[in-house]
Protein backbone atom coordinates (compact mmCIF):
# COMPACT_ATOMS: atom_id res chain seq x y z
CA MET A 1 -101.13 133.05 -98.81
CA ALA A 2 -97.51 132.62 -99.79
CA LEU A 3 -98.01 135.18 -102.56
CA ALA A 4 -99.01 137.90 -100.10
CA ASN A 5 -95.53 138.39 -98.77
CA ALA A 6 -94.40 141.37 -96.70
CA GLU A 7 -91.10 141.46 -98.59
CA TYR A 8 -92.85 142.99 -101.62
CA PRO A 9 -95.35 145.58 -100.34
CA PHE A 10 -98.47 146.61 -102.19
CA LEU A 11 -97.11 150.01 -103.26
CA ASN A 12 -94.07 148.33 -104.79
CA LEU A 13 -96.40 146.04 -106.68
CA MET A 14 -98.41 149.01 -107.96
CA TRP A 15 -95.21 150.81 -108.97
CA THR A 16 -94.01 147.72 -110.84
CA MET A 17 -97.34 147.47 -112.67
CA LEU A 18 -97.19 151.17 -113.62
CA VAL A 19 -93.65 150.85 -114.95
CA PHE A 20 -94.60 147.72 -116.90
CA PHE A 21 -97.66 149.48 -118.37
CA CYS A 22 -95.55 152.48 -119.42
CA TRP A 23 -93.00 150.14 -121.00
CA ILE A 24 -95.73 148.40 -123.03
CA ALA A 25 -97.25 151.76 -124.00
CA TRP A 26 -93.86 152.99 -125.19
CA PHE A 27 -93.44 149.90 -127.39
CA TRP A 28 -96.91 150.51 -128.80
CA LEU A 29 -95.99 154.13 -129.61
CA LEU A 30 -92.74 152.91 -131.16
CA PHE A 31 -94.62 150.54 -133.48
CA VAL A 32 -97.13 153.26 -134.38
CA ALA A 33 -94.36 155.74 -135.17
CA PHE A 34 -92.25 153.32 -137.21
CA GLY A 35 -95.32 151.90 -138.96
CA ASP A 36 -96.43 155.38 -139.99
CA LEU A 37 -92.93 156.49 -140.93
CA TYR A 38 -92.11 153.55 -143.19
CA ARG A 39 -95.51 153.55 -144.91
CA ARG A 40 -95.24 157.19 -145.91
CA ALA A 41 -94.36 157.90 -149.52
CA ASP A 42 -93.91 161.63 -148.96
CA VAL A 43 -90.84 161.17 -146.72
CA SER A 44 -87.44 160.54 -148.29
CA GLY A 45 -85.21 157.66 -147.35
CA TRP A 46 -82.76 160.00 -145.62
CA ALA A 47 -85.53 161.46 -143.48
CA LYS A 48 -86.64 157.94 -142.54
CA ALA A 49 -83.06 157.05 -141.64
CA GLY A 50 -82.74 160.23 -139.59
CA TRP A 51 -85.92 159.54 -137.65
CA THR A 52 -84.79 155.95 -137.07
CA VAL A 53 -81.42 157.06 -135.71
CA LEU A 54 -83.10 159.65 -133.49
CA VAL A 55 -85.48 157.06 -132.07
CA ILE A 56 -82.65 154.61 -131.45
CA VAL A 57 -80.32 157.19 -129.85
CA LEU A 58 -82.99 159.00 -127.82
CA PRO A 59 -85.83 156.48 -127.60
CA ILE A 60 -88.54 158.21 -125.59
CA ILE A 61 -87.75 161.72 -126.79
CA GLY A 62 -87.46 160.52 -130.40
CA VAL A 63 -90.85 158.78 -130.42
CA LEU A 64 -92.57 161.67 -128.69
CA LEU A 65 -90.88 164.15 -131.03
CA TYR A 66 -91.98 162.20 -134.10
CA LEU A 67 -95.54 161.90 -132.90
CA GLY A 68 -95.57 165.56 -131.85
CA THR A 69 -94.30 166.88 -135.17
CA GLN A 70 -95.54 164.32 -137.69
CA GLY A 71 -98.48 162.80 -135.86
CA ARG A 72 -100.90 165.63 -136.63
CA HIS A 73 -101.93 163.99 -139.91
CA LEU A 74 -101.57 160.41 -138.67
CA PRO A 75 -105.36 159.74 -138.56
CA GLU A 76 -105.81 160.98 -142.14
CA ARG A 77 -102.98 158.76 -143.38
CA TYR A 78 -104.44 155.82 -141.48
CA ARG A 79 -107.92 156.41 -142.93
CA SER A 80 -106.57 156.76 -146.46
CA ARG A 81 -104.70 153.45 -146.11
CA GLU A 82 -107.84 151.79 -144.75
CA ALA A 83 -109.90 153.23 -147.60
CA GLY A 84 -107.36 151.81 -150.03
CA TYR A 85 -107.69 148.37 -148.47
CA VAL A 86 -111.48 148.55 -148.59
CA SER A 87 -111.58 149.70 -152.21
CA THR A 88 -109.34 146.86 -153.34
CA SER A 89 -111.46 144.31 -151.49
CA ASP A 90 -114.63 145.59 -153.18
CA THR A 91 -113.58 143.75 -156.31
CA THR A 92 -114.37 140.39 -154.71
CA GLY A 93 -116.82 138.07 -156.36
CA ALA A 94 -119.51 138.77 -153.78
CA ALA A 95 -119.28 142.52 -154.38
CA GLN A 96 -119.44 142.02 -158.14
CA ILE A 97 -122.49 139.78 -157.81
CA ALA A 98 -124.16 142.30 -155.50
CA GLU A 99 -123.51 145.07 -158.03
CA ALA A 100 -124.88 142.91 -160.84
CA ARG A 101 -127.98 142.15 -158.73
CA ARG A 102 -128.51 145.88 -158.18
CA LEU A 103 -128.22 146.49 -161.91
CA LEU A 104 -130.72 143.68 -162.57
CA ASP A 105 -133.15 145.09 -160.02
CA ASP A 106 -132.82 148.56 -161.54
CA GLY A 107 -133.58 147.15 -164.99
CA VAL A 108 -130.24 148.13 -166.49
CA ILE A 109 -129.37 144.54 -167.43
CA ASP A 110 -131.51 141.49 -168.13
CA ASP A 111 -131.37 138.06 -166.52
CA ALA A 112 -129.00 136.60 -169.11
CA GLU A 113 -126.49 139.40 -168.55
CA PHE A 114 -126.83 138.95 -164.78
CA GLN A 115 -126.09 135.22 -165.09
CA ALA A 116 -123.07 135.97 -167.28
CA LEU A 117 -121.71 138.51 -164.77
CA LYS A 118 -122.37 136.07 -161.95
CA ARG A 119 -120.45 133.26 -163.73
CA LYS A 120 -117.58 135.65 -164.45
CA ALA A 121 -117.42 136.79 -160.80
CA LEU A 122 -117.49 133.22 -159.50
CA ALA A 123 -114.75 132.18 -161.93
CA GLN A 124 -112.26 134.64 -160.42
């Protein structure tokens, strides 16, 4: 029971945990804001530099200001990036073989064409 010491009361422990949680949450918001800012193509380099300086000079206010003014369309930008990642990964060999199988099942191609598409997809 050496850890349960009266020198550090329970409310101080709870306060420390709350401050630590807020500190971690602020870092998470910082990474979200910078990640969104530097991935955007519609923002100029000067605007990115301005937001960066604002966040460095006034950290909490800068992050909250960025998320308050620019964060409205953050989910759409995130979804469009995710859709871009998914569409580029659809060109894998497995996806090409699945598409060729669907075409074979629909009768669009014959078995020889399916085997040729399958060999081509596996060669990549």
